[in-house]
Structures are given as C-alpha cells and as structure tokens.
Amino acid sequence: METIEINHFAADLLDRWDPFNHGPGAYETEIAEVITALHDAVHPSELAERIRLIYEQSYELWIPHEACMDISYKLIALKYGAGCPL
C-alpha cells in the first residue's frame, strides 16, 4: 500500500475512533499529528504513547493507555500491510 493510501485509511480510522465523543471531523489537527507519528513509529507501544500525548495535550483530558494501544495496533497493522480499516 502506498503512503497516500495509508494516510487516507489512517485518517478515516482515527476520525471514527473519536476518543472524547466530539463527533466526526473534530480531530483534524490531532489526526495529522498521529499520521506523522505513525510513519516514524516502529512499535505499537511507541505509537500509543505519542497518540496519548497528542490528544491529551490538545484536550487536557486523560485517555486510558489501553485505548491508545488498541488504535495504535490497528494503525501499525495498516502501515505494515497487515490490515485495512475499511
């Protein structure tokens, strides 16, 4: 899968994730930051920590580590071609 496809699918997956129940389209800035982090990350735990920091900095709300790990595994699988969220 090409980078642009990964970015598109990752953005869709993150938009549907909605950790604070703000509705679709509420996390454009955070999604862009997570996609950048996705391309730098090698391991799901590394990406999960970045996701937690990104969203918590923006909203000053706590996200359970397990929720971040769940989405990070899906994103890493997408990155390495093991799955597609659609």
C-alpha atoms as a PDB file:
ATOM      1  CA  MET A   1       0.000   0.000   0.000  1.00  0.00           C
ATOM      2  CA  GLU A   2       1.338   3.448  -0.850  1.00  0.00           C
ATOM      3  CA  THR A   3       1.867   6.203   1.703  1.00  0.00           C
ATOM      4  CA  ILE A   4      -1.065   8.262   0.474  1.00  0.00           C
ATOM      5  CA  GLU A   5      -3.393   5.278   0.860  1.00  0.00           C
ATOM      6  CA  ILE A   6      -2.066   4.559   4.339  1.00  0.00           C
ATOM      7  CA  ASN A   7      -2.623   8.200   5.286  1.00  0.00           C
ATOM      8  CA  HIS A   8      -6.178   8.138   3.944  1.00  0.00           C
ATOM      9  CA  PHE A   9      -7.129   4.917   5.734  1.00  0.00           C
ATOM     10  CA  ALA A  10      -5.371   6.014   8.941  1.00  0.00           C
ATOM     11  CA  ALA A  11      -7.218   9.356   8.908  1.00  0.00           C
ATOM     12  CA  ASP A  12     -10.538   7.562   8.440  1.00  0.00           C
ATOM     13  CA  LEU A  13      -9.774   5.109  11.236  1.00  0.00           C
ATOM     14  CA  LEU A  14      -8.748   7.903  13.615  1.00  0.00           C
ATOM     15  CA  ASP A  15     -11.797  10.019  12.728  1.00  0.00           C
ATOM     16  CA  ARG A  16     -14.052   7.089  13.619  1.00  0.00           C
ATOM     17  CA  TRP A  17     -12.101   6.407  16.832  1.00  0.00           C
ATOM     18  CA  ASP A  18     -13.412   9.624  18.474  1.00  0.00           C
ATOM     19  CA  PRO A  19     -11.918   9.163  21.993  1.00  0.00           C
ATOM     20  CA  PHE A  20     -13.776  12.133  23.523  1.00  0.00           C
ATOM     21  CA  ASN A  21     -17.094  11.739  21.683  1.00  0.00           C
ATOM     22  CA  HIS A  22     -16.803  15.068  19.875  1.00  0.00           C
ATOM     23  CA  GLY A  23     -18.116  13.663  16.594  1.00  0.00           C
ATOM     24  CA  PRO A  24     -16.621  13.252  13.129  1.00  0.00           C
ATOM     25  CA  GLY A  25     -14.250  15.952  11.961  1.00  0.00           C
ATOM     26  CA  ALA A  26     -13.382  17.186  15.455  1.00  0.00           C
ATOM     27  CA  TYR A  27      -9.778  15.980  15.495  1.00  0.00           C
ATOM     28  CA  GLU A  28      -8.202  17.172  12.236  1.00  0.00           C
ATOM     29  CA  THR A  29      -5.070  18.586  13.876  1.00  0.00           C
ATOM     30  CA  GLU A  30      -4.574  15.562  16.104  1.00  0.00           C
ATOM     31  CA  ILE A  31      -5.127  13.148  13.216  1.00  0.00           C
ATOM     32  CA  ALA A  32      -2.457  14.902  11.152  1.00  0.00           C
ATOM     33  CA  GLU A  33      -0.012  14.677  14.070  1.00  0.00           C
ATOM     34  CA  VAL A  34      -0.767  10.997  14.675  1.00  0.00           C
ATOM     35  CA  ILE A  35      -0.267  10.175  10.984  1.00  0.00           C
ATOM     36  CA  THR A  36       3.150  11.849  11.129  1.00  0.00           C
ATOM     37  CA  ALA A  37       3.956   9.848  14.275  1.00  0.00           C
ATOM     38  CA  LEU A  38       2.746   6.659  12.570  1.00  0.00           C
ATOM     39  CA  HIS A  39       5.381   6.966   9.864  1.00  0.00           C
ATOM     40  CA  ASP A  40       8.107   7.410  12.482  1.00  0.00           C
ATOM     41  CA  ALA A  41       6.922   4.666  14.856  1.00  0.00           C
ATOM     42  CA  VAL A  42       8.130   1.087  14.717  1.00  0.00           C
ATOM     43  CA  HIS A  43       6.302  -0.466  17.666  1.00  0.00           C
ATOM     44  CA  PRO A  44       2.651  -0.065  18.770  1.00  0.00           C
ATOM     45  CA  SER A  45       3.622   0.975  22.311  1.00  0.00           C
ATOM     46  CA  GLU A  46       5.750   3.798  20.929  1.00  0.00           C
ATOM     47  CA  LEU A  47       2.864   5.000  18.773  1.00  0.00           C
ATOM     48  CA  ALA A  48       0.345   4.605  21.612  1.00  0.00           C
ATOM     49  CA  GLU A  49       2.384   6.927  23.810  1.00  0.00           C
ATOM     50  CA  ARG A  50       2.560   9.535  21.043  1.00  0.00           C
ATOM     51  CA  ILE A  51      -1.208   9.256  20.481  1.00  0.00           C
ATOM     52  CA  ARG A  52      -1.862   9.735  24.186  1.00  0.00           C
ATOM     53  CA  LEU A  53       0.361  12.797  24.349  1.00  0.00           C
ATOM     54  CA  ILE A  54      -1.113  14.362  21.206  1.00  0.00           C
ATOM     55  CA  TYR A  55      -4.738  14.038  22.278  1.00  0.00           C
ATOM     56  CA  GLU A  56      -4.154  14.839  25.941  1.00  0.00           C
ATOM     57  CA  GLN A  57      -2.201  17.989  25.076  1.00  0.00           C
ATOM     58  CA  SER A  58      -4.974  19.239  22.831  1.00  0.00           C
ATOM     59  CA  TYR A  59      -7.931  18.453  25.070  1.00  0.00           C
ATOM     60  CA  GLU A  60      -6.374  18.236  28.535  1.00  0.00           C
ATOM     61  CA  LEU A  61      -8.356  15.046  29.082  1.00  0.00           C
ATOM     62  CA  TRP A  62      -7.000  11.649  30.091  1.00  0.00           C
ATOM     63  CA  ILE A  63      -7.154   8.700  27.686  1.00  0.00           C
ATOM     64  CA  PRO A  64      -6.691   5.153  29.019  1.00  0.00           C
ATOM     65  CA  HIS A  65      -3.468   3.577  27.799  1.00  0.00           C
ATOM     66  CA  GLU A  66      -5.427   0.539  26.602  1.00  0.00           C
ATOM     67  CA  ALA A  67      -7.484   2.701  24.223  1.00  0.00           C
ATOM     68  CA  CYS A  68      -4.317   4.180  22.754  1.00  0.00           C
ATOM     69  CA  MET A  69      -2.774   0.725  22.404  1.00  0.00           C
ATOM     70  CA  ASP A  70      -5.851  -0.578  20.613  1.00  0.00           C
ATOM     71  CA  ILE A  71      -5.803   2.150  17.971  1.00  0.00           C
ATOM     72  CA  SER A  72      -2.009   2.007  17.659  1.00  0.00           C
ATOM     73  CA  TYR A  73      -2.094  -1.734  16.861  1.00  0.00           C
ATOM     74  CA  LYS A  74      -4.633  -1.056  14.119  1.00  0.00           C
ATOM     75  CA  LEU A  75      -2.536   1.770  12.686  1.00  0.00           C
ATOM     76  CA  ILE A  76       0.715  -0.212  12.788  1.00  0.00           C
ATOM     77  CA  ALA A  77      -1.033  -3.152  11.090  1.00  0.00           C
ATOM     78  CA  LEU A  78      -2.235  -0.768   8.410  1.00  0.00           C
ATOM     79  CA  LYS A  79       1.261   0.675   7.988  1.00  0.00           C
ATOM     80  CA  TYR A  80       2.836  -2.748   7.511  1.00  0.00           C
ATOM     81  CA  GLY A  81       0.071  -4.024   5.247  1.00  0.00           C
ATOM     82  CA  ALA A  82      -1.490  -6.461   7.689  1.00  0.00           C
ATOM     83  CA  GLY A  83      -4.909  -4.872   7.655  1.00  0.00           C
ATOM     84  CA  CYS A  84      -7.208  -2.281   6.195  1.00  0.00           C
ATOM     85  CA  PRO A  85      -9.827  -0.499   8.329  1.00  0.00           C
ATOM     86  CA  LEU A  86     -12.420  -0.316   5.575  1.00  0.00           C
END
